[in-house]
């Protein structure tokens, strides 16, 4: 069973994805290829065979690693993670805007930040779910481990700041730094997903945001430290204007970094949606009984 989707050529946007698996003279798979659904090594099996473990057609796993050929159940988890991330990021952006420009921060806004951090940690775990077809490679990826560890640590630190008595301000600073590390690692994973659509312009945009947004989080954390150090000191009138200008510039810079952060994740979600539909169709056709074909 073949797919209607064309394979990437060396000059196409998908050329950087893995090509179809090599076959020997007898038509058997001649390299290590893991089953898309269960991770079984299919080396030595005919391309027309079924996986001995889960009966998924070997021909599916022998295709390139574009998302349209992946297990749709795995892709559904990744897409759910992106949707959760977009919603949580939008809530975080709204809270940041309201706290900065409209109302004073308080317990409610801090609680929302803590809930957003939990949602983003959960989204990070979903987005970095190992692809069964690349399990041995992906389970060892540093980016996956760092994403999950750092975002979980950031969520825990947000809650520590919220409920600790007396408050531990350094926990909020540490949470921001942990979030920055986690988002940097997560965007490495998102860039790989974009390349498997394939969408190289989106992958380039994600690579830029990978540096911009975590840098904004680091600057925000350092600004909190500076504020804590100098809040009790008298402000020299001649420097007050400079502090105000720098503060406003930092706030607007952070705001636009948040907007870009939300936007690229939403764009990736929109790009993966049709790939999930193709994956479902591909699996449905490949697993259809020959009598019904």
C-alpha atoms as a PDB file:
ATOM      1  CA  UNK A   1       0.000   0.000   0.000  1.00  0.00           C
ATOM      2  CA  UNK A   2       1.468   3.327  -0.988  1.00  0.00           C
ATOM      3  CA  UNK A   3       0.583   6.805   0.190  1.00  0.00           C
ATOM      4  CA  UNK A   4      -0.591   9.678  -1.975  1.00  0.00           C
ATOM      5  CA  UNK A   5       1.866  11.957  -0.186  1.00  0.00           C
ATOM      6  CA  UNK A   6       5.086  12.436  -2.197  1.00  0.00           C
ATOM      7  CA  UNK A   7       8.442  11.589  -0.753  1.00  0.00           C
ATOM      8  CA  UNK A   8      10.853  14.498  -0.254  1.00  0.00           C
ATOM      9  CA  UNK A   9      13.539  14.999  -2.845  1.00  0.00           C
ATOM     10  CA  UNK A  10      17.026  16.367  -2.048  1.00  0.00           C
ATOM     11  CA  UNK A  11      15.895  19.853  -3.049  1.00  0.00           C
ATOM     12  CA  UNK A  12      12.567  19.792  -1.239  1.00  0.00           C
ATOM     13  CA  UNK A  13      11.861  21.145   2.270  1.00  0.00           C
ATOM     14  CA  UNK A  14      11.671  17.594   3.585  1.00  0.00           C
ATOM     15  CA  UNK A  15      15.106  16.593   2.374  1.00  0.00           C
ATOM     16  CA  UNK A  16      16.566  16.777   5.883  1.00  0.00           C
ATOM     17  CA  UNK A  17      14.220  14.053   7.149  1.00  0.00           C
ATOM     18  CA  UNK A  18      15.221  10.386   7.133  1.00  0.00           C
ATOM     19  CA  UNK A  19      14.732   8.720   3.712  1.00  0.00           C
ATOM     20  CA  UNK A  20      12.898   5.473   3.138  1.00  0.00           C
ATOM     21  CA  UNK A  21      14.615   2.422   4.608  1.00  0.00           C
ATOM     22  CA  UNK A  22      17.120   0.582   2.411  1.00  0.00           C
ATOM     23  CA  UNK A  23      16.142  -2.838   1.067  1.00  0.00           C
ATOM     24  CA  UNK A  24      18.391  -5.764   0.175  1.00  0.00           C
ATOM     25  CA  UNK A  25      18.258  -7.651  -3.145  1.00  0.00           C
ATOM     26  CA  UNK A  26      15.477  -9.867  -1.817  1.00  0.00           C
ATOM     27  CA  UNK A  27      13.293  -6.897  -0.910  1.00  0.00           C
ATOM     28  CA  UNK A  28      13.847  -7.232   2.837  1.00  0.00           C
ATOM     29  CA  UNK A  29      14.504  -4.272   5.134  1.00  0.00           C
ATOM     30  CA  UNK A  30      18.301  -3.987   5.273  1.00  0.00           C
ATOM     31  CA  UNK A  31      18.751  -1.627   8.230  1.00  0.00           C
ATOM     32  CA  UNK A  32      17.469  -1.122  11.759  1.00  0.00           C
ATOM     33  CA  UNK A  33      13.902   0.161  11.427  1.00  0.00           C
ATOM     34  CA  UNK A  34      11.582   0.336  14.426  1.00  0.00           C
ATOM     35  CA  UNK A  35       7.868  -0.259  14.094  1.00  0.00           C
ATOM     36  CA  UNK A  36       5.909   2.996  14.099  1.00  0.00           C
ATOM     37  CA  UNK A  37       3.446   1.639  16.632  1.00  0.00           C
ATOM     38  CA  UNK A  38       5.338  -0.625  19.058  1.00  0.00           C
ATOM     39  CA  UNK A  39       9.066  -0.040  18.474  1.00  0.00           C
ATOM     40  CA  UNK A  40       9.882  -3.603  17.320  1.00  0.00           C
ATOM     41  CA  UNK A  41      13.026  -3.857  15.150  1.00  0.00           C
ATOM     42  CA  UNK A  42      11.875  -4.843  11.639  1.00  0.00           C
ATOM     43  CA  UNK A  43      15.312  -5.475  10.132  1.00  0.00           C
ATOM     44  CA  UNK A  44      15.321  -8.528   7.875  1.00  0.00           C
ATOM     45  CA  UNK A  45      11.558  -8.617   7.324  1.00  0.00           C
ATOM     46  CA  UNK A  46      10.040  -8.213   3.839  1.00  0.00           C
ATOM     47  CA  UNK A  47       8.688  -4.735   3.223  1.00  0.00           C
ATOM     48  CA  UNK A  48       5.237  -6.252   2.669  1.00  0.00           C
ATOM     49  CA  UNK A  49       5.272  -8.114   6.013  1.00  0.00           C
ATOM     50  CA  UNK A  50       3.410  -7.243   9.198  1.00  0.00           C
ATOM     51  CA  UNK A  51       5.098  -6.381  12.473  1.00  0.00           C
ATOM     52  CA  UNK A  52       5.272  -9.614  14.538  1.00  0.00           C
ATOM     53  CA  UNK A  53       4.328  -7.709  17.693  1.00  0.00           C
ATOM     54  CA  UNK A  54       1.422  -5.468  16.676  1.00  0.00           C
ATOM     55  CA  UNK A  55       0.607  -6.432  13.045  1.00  0.00           C
ATOM     56  CA  UNK A  56       1.290  -2.917  11.746  1.00  0.00           C
ATOM     57  CA  UNK A  57       2.416  -3.070   8.072  1.00  0.00           C
ATOM     58  CA  UNK A  58       6.214  -2.909   7.865  1.00  0.00           C
ATOM     59  CA  UNK A  59       5.879  -0.727   4.763  1.00  0.00           C
ATOM     60  CA  UNK A  60       4.594   2.112   6.971  1.00  0.00           C
ATOM     61  CA  UNK A  61       7.646   1.974   9.207  1.00  0.00           C
ATOM     62  CA  UNK A  62       9.971   1.776   6.215  1.00  0.00           C
ATOM     63  CA  UNK A  63       8.767   5.163   4.978  1.00  0.00           C
ATOM     64  CA  UNK A  64      10.513   8.423   5.786  1.00  0.00           C
ATOM     65  CA  UNK A  65      10.065  10.008   9.215  1.00  0.00           C
ATOM     66  CA  UNK A  66       7.612  12.673   8.046  1.00  0.00           C
ATOM     67  CA  UNK A  67       4.724  13.122  10.475  1.00  0.00           C
ATOM     68  CA  UNK A  68       2.185  11.898   7.923  1.00  0.00           C
ATOM     69  CA  UNK A  69       3.647   8.390   8.262  1.00  0.00           C
ATOM     70  CA  UNK A  70       3.765   8.292  12.080  1.00  0.00           C
ATOM     71  CA  UNK A  71       1.439   6.506  14.470  1.00  0.00           C
ATOM     72  CA  UNK A  72      -1.621   8.802  14.696  1.00  0.00           C
ATOM     73  CA  UNK A  73      -2.094   7.912  18.368  1.00  0.00           C
ATOM     74  CA  UNK A  74       1.345   9.337  19.146  1.00  0.00           C
ATOM     75  CA  UNK A  75       0.690  12.417  17.020  1.00  0.00           C
ATOM     76  CA  UNK A  76      -2.596  12.996  18.868  1.00  0.00           C
ATOM     77  CA  UNK A  77      -0.664  13.259  22.158  1.00  0.00           C
ATOM     78  CA  UNK A  78       1.790  15.717  20.637  1.00  0.00           C
ATOM     79  CA  UNK A  79      -1.039  17.824  19.224  1.00  0.00           C
ATOM     80  CA  UNK A  80      -2.863  17.788  22.571  1.00  0.00           C
ATOM     81  CA  UNK A  81       0.340  19.045  24.209  1.00  0.00           C
ATOM     82  CA  UNK A  82       0.562  21.891  21.707  1.00  0.00           C
ATOM     83  CA  UNK A  83      -3.068  22.850  22.306  1.00  0.00           C
ATOM     84  CA  UNK A  84      -2.581  22.858  26.069  1.00  0.00           C
ATOM     85  CA  UNK A  85       0.595  24.921  25.639  1.00  0.00           C
ATOM     86  CA  UNK A  86      -1.171  27.470  23.415  1.00  0.00           C
ATOM     87  CA  UNK A  87      -4.101  27.873  25.820  1.00  0.00           C
ATOM     88  CA  UNK A  88      -1.825  28.087  28.885  1.00  0.00           C
ATOM     89  CA  UNK A  89       0.504  30.501  27.105  1.00  0.00           C
ATOM     90  CA  UNK A  90      -2.437  32.701  26.077  1.00  0.00           C
ATOM     91  CA  UNK A  91      -3.678  32.767  29.678  1.00  0.00           C
ATOM     92  CA  UNK A  92      -0.166  33.591  30.884  1.00  0.00           C
ATOM     93  CA  UNK A  93       0.127  36.363  28.317  1.00  0.00           C
ATOM     94  CA  UNK A  94      -3.232  37.838  29.346  1.00  0.00           C
ATOM     95  CA  UNK A  95      -2.280  37.707  33.026  1.00  0.00           C
ATOM     96  CA  UNK A  96       1.078  39.336  32.313  1.00  0.00           C
ATOM     97  CA  UNK A  97      -0.591  42.117  30.332  1.00  0.00           C
ATOM     98  CA  UNK A  98      -3.280  42.708  32.965  1.00  0.00           C
ATOM     99  CA  UNK A  99      -0.826  42.670  35.865  1.00  0.00           C
ATOM    100  CA  UNK A 100       1.602  44.976  34.099  1.00  0.00           C
ATOM    101  CA  UNK A 101      -0.654  47.566  32.486  1.00  0.00           C
ATOM    102  CA  UNK A 102      -4.108  47.351  34.065  1.00  0.00           C
ATOM    103  CA  UNK A 103      -4.136  46.061  37.639  1.00  0.00           C
ATOM    104  CA  UNK A 104      -1.771  45.379  40.479  1.00  0.00           C
ATOM    105  CA  UNK A 105      -0.473  41.890  40.954  1.00  0.00           C
ATOM    106  CA  UNK A 106      -1.639  39.903  43.935  1.00  0.00           C
ATOM    107  CA  UNK A 107      -2.471  36.439  45.137  1.00  0.00           C
ATOM    108  CA  UNK A 108      -4.868  35.821  42.222  1.00  0.00           C
ATOM    109  CA  UNK A 109      -2.322  36.615  39.532  1.00  0.00           C
ATOM    110  CA  UNK A 110       0.360  34.603  41.331  1.00  0.00           C
ATOM    111  CA  UNK A 111      -2.023  31.650  41.564  1.00  0.00           C
ATOM    112  CA  UNK A 112      -2.785  31.919  37.840  1.00  0.00           C
ATOM    113  CA  UNK A 113       0.952  31.945  37.104  1.00  0.00           C
ATOM    114  CA  UNK A 114       1.352  28.791  39.199  1.00  0.00           C
ATOM    115  CA  UNK A 115      -1.524  27.042  37.395  1.00  0.00           C
ATOM    116  CA  UNK A 116      -0.116  28.095  34.031  1.00  0.00           C
ATOM    117  CA  UNK A 117       3.268  26.642  34.994  1.00  0.00           C
ATOM    118  CA  UNK A 118       1.603  23.296  35.813  1.00  0.00           C
ATOM    119  CA  UNK A 119      -0.259  23.315  32.481  1.00  0.00           C
ATOM    120  CA  UNK A 120       2.936  24.160  30.595  1.00  0.00           C
ATOM    121  CA  UNK A 121       4.813  21.367  32.373  1.00  0.00           C
ATOM    122  CA  UNK A 122       2.068  18.906  31.404  1.00  0.00           C
ATOM    123  CA  UNK A 123       2.141  20.223  27.824  1.00  0.00           C
ATOM    124  CA  UNK A 124       5.918  19.785  27.794  1.00  0.00           C
ATOM    125  CA  UNK A 125       5.558  16.136  28.790  1.00  0.00           C
ATOM    126  CA  UNK A 126       2.950  15.537  26.070  1.00  0.00           C
ATOM    127  CA  UNK A 127       4.892  17.300  23.331  1.00  0.00           C
ATOM    128  CA  UNK A 128       8.022  15.304  24.153  1.00  0.00           C
ATOM    129  CA  UNK A 129       6.280  11.908  24.166  1.00  0.00           C
ATOM    130  CA  UNK A 130       8.732   9.541  22.429  1.00  0.00           C
ATOM    131  CA  UNK A 131       7.780   8.551  18.899  1.00  0.00           C
ATOM    132  CA  UNK A 132       7.431   4.723  18.945  1.00  0.00           C
ATOM    133  CA  UNK A 133       9.029   4.603  15.510  1.00  0.00           C
ATOM    134  CA  UNK A 134      12.155   6.325  16.813  1.00  0.00           C
ATOM    135  CA  UNK A 135      12.028   5.100  20.396  1.00  0.00           C
ATOM    136  CA  UNK A 136      15.649   4.061  20.938  1.00  0.00           C
ATOM    137  CA  UNK A 137      16.918   7.375  19.596  1.00  0.00           C
ATOM    138  CA  UNK A 138      14.350   9.700  21.152  1.00  0.00           C
ATOM    139  CA  UNK A 139      14.250   8.260  24.677  1.00  0.00           C
ATOM    140  CA  UNK A 140      17.935   9.145  25.008  1.00  0.00           C
ATOM    141  CA  UNK A 141      17.528  12.719  23.760  1.00  0.00           C
ATOM    142  CA  UNK A 142      18.873  15.303  26.166  1.00  0.00           C
ATOM    143  CA  UNK A 143      16.321  17.902  25.016  1.00  0.00           C
ATOM    144  CA  UNK A 144      13.423  15.667  26.051  1.00  0.00           C
ATOM    145  CA  UNK A 145      14.833  15.000  29.513  1.00  0.00           C
ATOM    146  CA  UNK A 146      15.744  18.654  30.078  1.00  0.00           C
ATOM    147  CA  UNK A 147      12.291  19.846  28.947  1.00  0.00           C
ATOM    148  CA  UNK A 148      10.465  17.573  31.353  1.00  0.00           C
ATOM    149  CA  UNK A 149      12.812  18.088  34.297  1.00  0.00           C
ATOM    150  CA  UNK A 150      13.123  21.874  33.996  1.00  0.00           C
ATOM    151  CA  UNK A 151       9.428  22.625  33.394  1.00  0.00           C
ATOM    152  CA  UNK A 152       8.413  20.335  36.265  1.00  0.00           C
ATOM    153  CA  UNK A 153      10.957  22.036  38.532  1.00  0.00           C
ATOM    154  CA  UNK A 154       9.652  25.441  37.441  1.00  0.00           C
ATOM    155  CA  UNK A 155       6.076  24.458  38.300  1.00  0.00           C
ATOM    156  CA  UNK A 156       7.149  23.195  41.749  1.00  0.00           C
ATOM    157  CA  UNK A 157       9.077  26.409  42.432  1.00  0.00           C
ATOM    158  CA  UNK A 158       6.071  28.542  41.443  1.00  0.00           C
ATOM    159  CA  UNK A 159       3.969  26.687  44.003  1.00  0.00           C
ATOM    160  CA  UNK A 160       6.717  26.940  46.614  1.00  0.00           C
ATOM    161  CA  UNK A 161       6.702  30.712  46.203  1.00  0.00           C
ATOM    162  CA  UNK A 162       2.911  30.777  46.438  1.00  0.00           C
ATOM    163  CA  UNK A 163       2.507  28.726  49.591  1.00  0.00           C
ATOM    164  CA  UNK A 164       5.785  29.111  51.501  1.00  0.00           C
ATOM    165  CA  UNK A 165       5.544  30.947  54.834  1.00  0.00           C
ATOM    166  CA  UNK A 166       7.351  33.280  54.977  1.00  0.00           C
ATOM    167  CA  UNK A 167       7.539  33.880  51.196  1.00  0.00           C
ATOM    168  CA  UNK A 168      10.721  32.758  49.440  1.00  0.00           C
ATOM    169  CA  UNK A 169      11.338  35.351  46.682  1.00  0.00           C
ATOM    170  CA  UNK A 170      14.337  33.450  45.361  1.00  0.00           C
ATOM    171  CA  UNK A 171      11.924  30.614  44.466  1.00  0.00           C
ATOM    172  CA  UNK A 172      10.206  32.875  41.915  1.00  0.00           C
ATOM    173  CA  UNK A 173      13.557  33.810  40.403  1.00  0.00           C
ATOM    174  CA  UNK A 174      14.610  30.156  40.258  1.00  0.00           C
ATOM    175  CA  UNK A 175      11.241  29.256  38.705  1.00  0.00           C
ATOM    176  CA  UNK A 176      11.826  31.764  35.912  1.00  0.00           C
ATOM    177  CA  UNK A 177      15.293  30.356  35.223  1.00  0.00           C
ATOM    178  CA  UNK A 178      13.967  26.778  35.226  1.00  0.00           C
ATOM    179  CA  UNK A 179      11.181  27.789  32.830  1.00  0.00           C
ATOM    180  CA  UNK A 180      13.766  29.405  30.550  1.00  0.00           C
ATOM    181  CA  UNK A 181      15.832  26.205  30.401  1.00  0.00           C
ATOM    182  CA  UNK A 182      12.729  24.066  29.870  1.00  0.00           C
ATOM    183  CA  UNK A 183      11.343  26.259  27.077  1.00  0.00           C
ATOM    184  CA  UNK A 184      14.721  26.356  25.319  1.00  0.00           C
ATOM    185  CA  UNK A 185      14.881  22.550  25.337  1.00  0.00           C
ATOM    186  CA  UNK A 186      11.203  22.221  24.364  1.00  0.00           C
ATOM    187  CA  UNK A 187      11.650  24.473  21.351  1.00  0.00           C
ATOM    188  CA  UNK A 188      14.475  22.208  20.169  1.00  0.00           C
ATOM    189  CA  UNK A 189      11.880  19.412  20.089  1.00  0.00           C
ATOM    190  CA  UNK A 190       9.308  21.665  18.396  1.00  0.00           C
ATOM    191  CA  UNK A 191      11.790  22.581  15.683  1.00  0.00           C
ATOM    192  CA  UNK A 192      12.312  18.899  14.895  1.00  0.00           C
ATOM    193  CA  UNK A 193       8.547  18.473  14.612  1.00  0.00           C
ATOM    194  CA  UNK A 194       8.347  21.400  12.186  1.00  0.00           C
ATOM    195  CA  UNK A 195      11.061  19.809  10.040  1.00  0.00           C
ATOM    196  CA  UNK A 196       9.014  16.608   9.926  1.00  0.00           C
ATOM    197  CA  UNK A 197       5.914  18.425   8.583  1.00  0.00           C
ATOM    198  CA  UNK A 198       8.056  19.555   6.661  1.00  0.00           C
ATOM    199  CA  UNK A 199       7.986  23.343   7.118  1.00  0.00           C
ATOM    200  CA  UNK A 200      11.445  24.873   7.118  1.00  0.00           C
ATOM    201  CA  UNK A 201      10.271  28.527   7.379  1.00  0.00           C
ATOM    202  CA  UNK A 202       8.362  27.614  10.550  1.00  0.00           C
ATOM    203  CA  UNK A 203      11.384  25.673  11.826  1.00  0.00           C
ATOM    204  CA  UNK A 204      13.528  28.788  11.364  1.00  0.00           C
ATOM    205  CA  UNK A 205      10.981  30.901  13.214  1.00  0.00           C
ATOM    206  CA  UNK A 206      10.913  28.399  16.067  1.00  0.00           C
ATOM    207  CA  UNK A 207      14.707  28.489  16.227  1.00  0.00           C
ATOM    208  CA  UNK A 208      14.616  32.268  16.678  1.00  0.00           C
ATOM    209  CA  UNK A 209      11.944  32.111  19.393  1.00  0.00           C
ATOM    210  CA  UNK A 210      13.968  29.353  21.070  1.00  0.00           C
ATOM    211  CA  UNK A 211      16.540  32.045  21.895  1.00  0.00           C
ATOM    212  CA  UNK A 212      14.280  35.087  22.268  1.00  0.00           C
ATOM    213  CA  UNK A 213      11.731  33.820  24.783  1.00  0.00           C
ATOM    214  CA  UNK A 214      14.075  32.037  27.228  1.00  0.00           C
ATOM    215  CA  UNK A 215      16.337  35.098  27.115  1.00  0.00           C
ATOM    216  CA  UNK A 216      13.349  37.255  28.056  1.00  0.00           C
ATOM    217  CA  UNK A 217      12.617  34.931  31.002  1.00  0.00           C
ATOM    218  CA  UNK A 218      16.220  35.191  32.174  1.00  0.00           C
ATOM    219  CA  UNK A 219      16.129  38.995  31.931  1.00  0.00           C
ATOM    220  CA  UNK A 220      12.856  38.986  33.867  1.00  0.00           C
ATOM    221  CA  UNK A 221      14.409  36.862  36.620  1.00  0.00           C
ATOM    222  CA  UNK A 222      17.471  39.083  36.824  1.00  0.00           C
ATOM    223  CA  UNK A 223      15.210  42.147  36.937  1.00  0.00           C
ATOM    224  CA  UNK A 224      13.414  40.641  39.954  1.00  0.00           C
ATOM    225  CA  UNK A 225      16.778  40.190  41.665  1.00  0.00           C
ATOM    226  CA  UNK A 226      17.785  43.766  40.881  1.00  0.00           C
ATOM    227  CA  UNK A 227      14.452  45.085  42.119  1.00  0.00           C
ATOM    228  CA  UNK A 228      14.835  43.164  45.380  1.00  0.00           C
ATOM    229  CA  UNK A 229      18.347  44.542  45.873  1.00  0.00           C
ATOM    230  CA  UNK A 230      17.589  48.182  45.116  1.00  0.00           C
ATOM    231  CA  UNK A 231      13.948  48.569  46.193  1.00  0.00           C
ATOM    232  CA  UNK A 232      14.903  49.685  49.693  1.00  0.00           C
ATOM    233  CA  UNK A 233      17.478  52.217  48.481  1.00  0.00           C
ATOM    234  CA  UNK A 234      16.594  55.848  47.734  1.00  0.00           C
ATOM    235  CA  UNK A 235      16.338  56.652  44.030  1.00  0.00           C
ATOM    236  CA  UNK A 236      18.579  59.449  42.785  1.00  0.00           C
ATOM    237  CA  UNK A 237      16.278  61.904  40.928  1.00  0.00           C
ATOM    238  CA  UNK A 238      18.706  62.269  38.047  1.00  0.00           C
ATOM    239  CA  UNK A 239      18.548  58.524  37.429  1.00  0.00           C
ATOM    240  CA  UNK A 240      14.830  58.058  37.922  1.00  0.00           C
ATOM    241  CA  UNK A 241      13.986  58.757  34.265  1.00  0.00           C
ATOM    242  CA  UNK A 242      16.539  56.205  33.108  1.00  0.00           C
ATOM    243  CA  UNK A 243      15.116  53.557  35.419  1.00  0.00           C
ATOM    244  CA  UNK A 244      11.582  54.250  34.183  1.00  0.00           C
ATOM    245  CA  UNK A 245      12.586  54.114  30.508  1.00  0.00           C
ATOM    246  CA  UNK A 246      14.553  50.898  31.017  1.00  0.00           C
ATOM    247  CA  UNK A 247      11.656  49.366  32.921  1.00  0.00           C
ATOM    248  CA  UNK A 248       9.100  50.223  30.249  1.00  0.00           C
ATOM    249  CA  UNK A 249      11.379  48.962  27.488  1.00  0.00           C
ATOM    250  CA  UNK A 250      11.836  45.714  29.370  1.00  0.00           C
ATOM    251  CA  UNK A 251       8.082  45.310  29.901  1.00  0.00           C
ATOM    252  CA  UNK A 252       7.237  45.860  26.257  1.00  0.00           C
ATOM    253  CA  UNK A 253      10.077  43.585  25.169  1.00  0.00           C
ATOM    254  CA  UNK A 254       8.768  40.861  27.482  1.00  0.00           C
ATOM    255  CA  UNK A 255       5.235  41.372  26.189  1.00  0.00           C
ATOM    256  CA  UNK A 256       6.248  40.920  22.547  1.00  0.00           C
ATOM    257  CA  UNK A 257       8.389  37.897  23.441  1.00  0.00           C
ATOM    258  CA  UNK A 258       5.281  36.360  25.041  1.00  0.00           C
ATOM    259  CA  UNK A 259       3.215  37.130  21.918  1.00  0.00           C
ATOM    260  CA  UNK A 260       5.786  35.501  19.636  1.00  0.00           C
ATOM    261  CA  UNK A 261       6.018  32.508  21.984  1.00  0.00           C
ATOM    262  CA  UNK A 262       2.251  31.933  21.748  1.00  0.00           C
ATOM    263  CA  UNK A 263       2.160  32.573  17.998  1.00  0.00           C
ATOM    264  CA  UNK A 264       4.758  30.015  16.904  1.00  0.00           C
ATOM    265  CA  UNK A 265       3.214  27.261  19.010  1.00  0.00           C
ATOM    266  CA  UNK A 266      -0.179  28.010  17.476  1.00  0.00           C
ATOM    267  CA  UNK A 267       1.363  27.981  13.991  1.00  0.00           C
ATOM    268  CA  UNK A 268       2.949  24.587  14.662  1.00  0.00           C
ATOM    269  CA  UNK A 269      -0.380  23.266  15.931  1.00  0.00           C
ATOM    270  CA  UNK A 270      -2.048  24.427  12.698  1.00  0.00           C
ATOM    271  CA  UNK A 271       0.740  22.833  10.637  1.00  0.00           C
ATOM    272  CA  UNK A 272       0.437  19.455  12.394  1.00  0.00           C
ATOM    273  CA  UNK A 273      -3.382  19.273  12.198  1.00  0.00           C
ATOM    274  CA  UNK A 274      -3.448  18.185   8.519  1.00  0.00           C
ATOM    275  CA  UNK A 275      -0.517  15.827   9.122  1.00  0.00           C
ATOM    276  CA  UNK A 276      -2.593  14.030  11.753  1.00  0.00           C
ATOM    277  CA  UNK A 277      -5.426  13.664   9.243  1.00  0.00           C
ATOM    278  CA  UNK A 278      -2.979  12.219   6.701  1.00  0.00           C
ATOM    279  CA  UNK A 279      -1.526   9.841   9.312  1.00  0.00           C
ATOM    280  CA  UNK A 280      -4.994   8.572  10.217  1.00  0.00           C
ATOM    281  CA  UNK A 281      -5.824   8.046   6.543  1.00  0.00           C
ATOM    282  CA  UNK A 282      -2.500   6.323   5.855  1.00  0.00           C
ATOM    283  CA  UNK A 283      -2.927   3.915   8.777  1.00  0.00           C
ATOM    284  CA  UNK A 284      -6.566   3.236   7.910  1.00  0.00           C
ATOM    285  CA  UNK A 285      -5.669   2.353   4.308  1.00  0.00           C
ATOM    286  CA  UNK A 286      -2.603   0.317   5.263  1.00  0.00           C
ATOM    287  CA  UNK A 287      -4.477  -1.760   7.843  1.00  0.00           C
ATOM    288  CA  UNK A 288      -7.616  -2.242   5.733  1.00  0.00           C
ATOM    289  CA  UNK A 289      -8.331  -5.924   5.016  1.00  0.00           C
ATOM    290  CA  UNK A 290      -7.392  -6.860   1.466  1.00  0.00           C
ATOM    291  CA  UNK A 291     -10.952  -8.008   0.821  1.00  0.00           C
ATOM    292  CA  UNK A 292     -12.224  -4.499   1.580  1.00  0.00           C
ATOM    293  CA  UNK A 293      -9.583  -2.670  -0.448  1.00  0.00           C
END
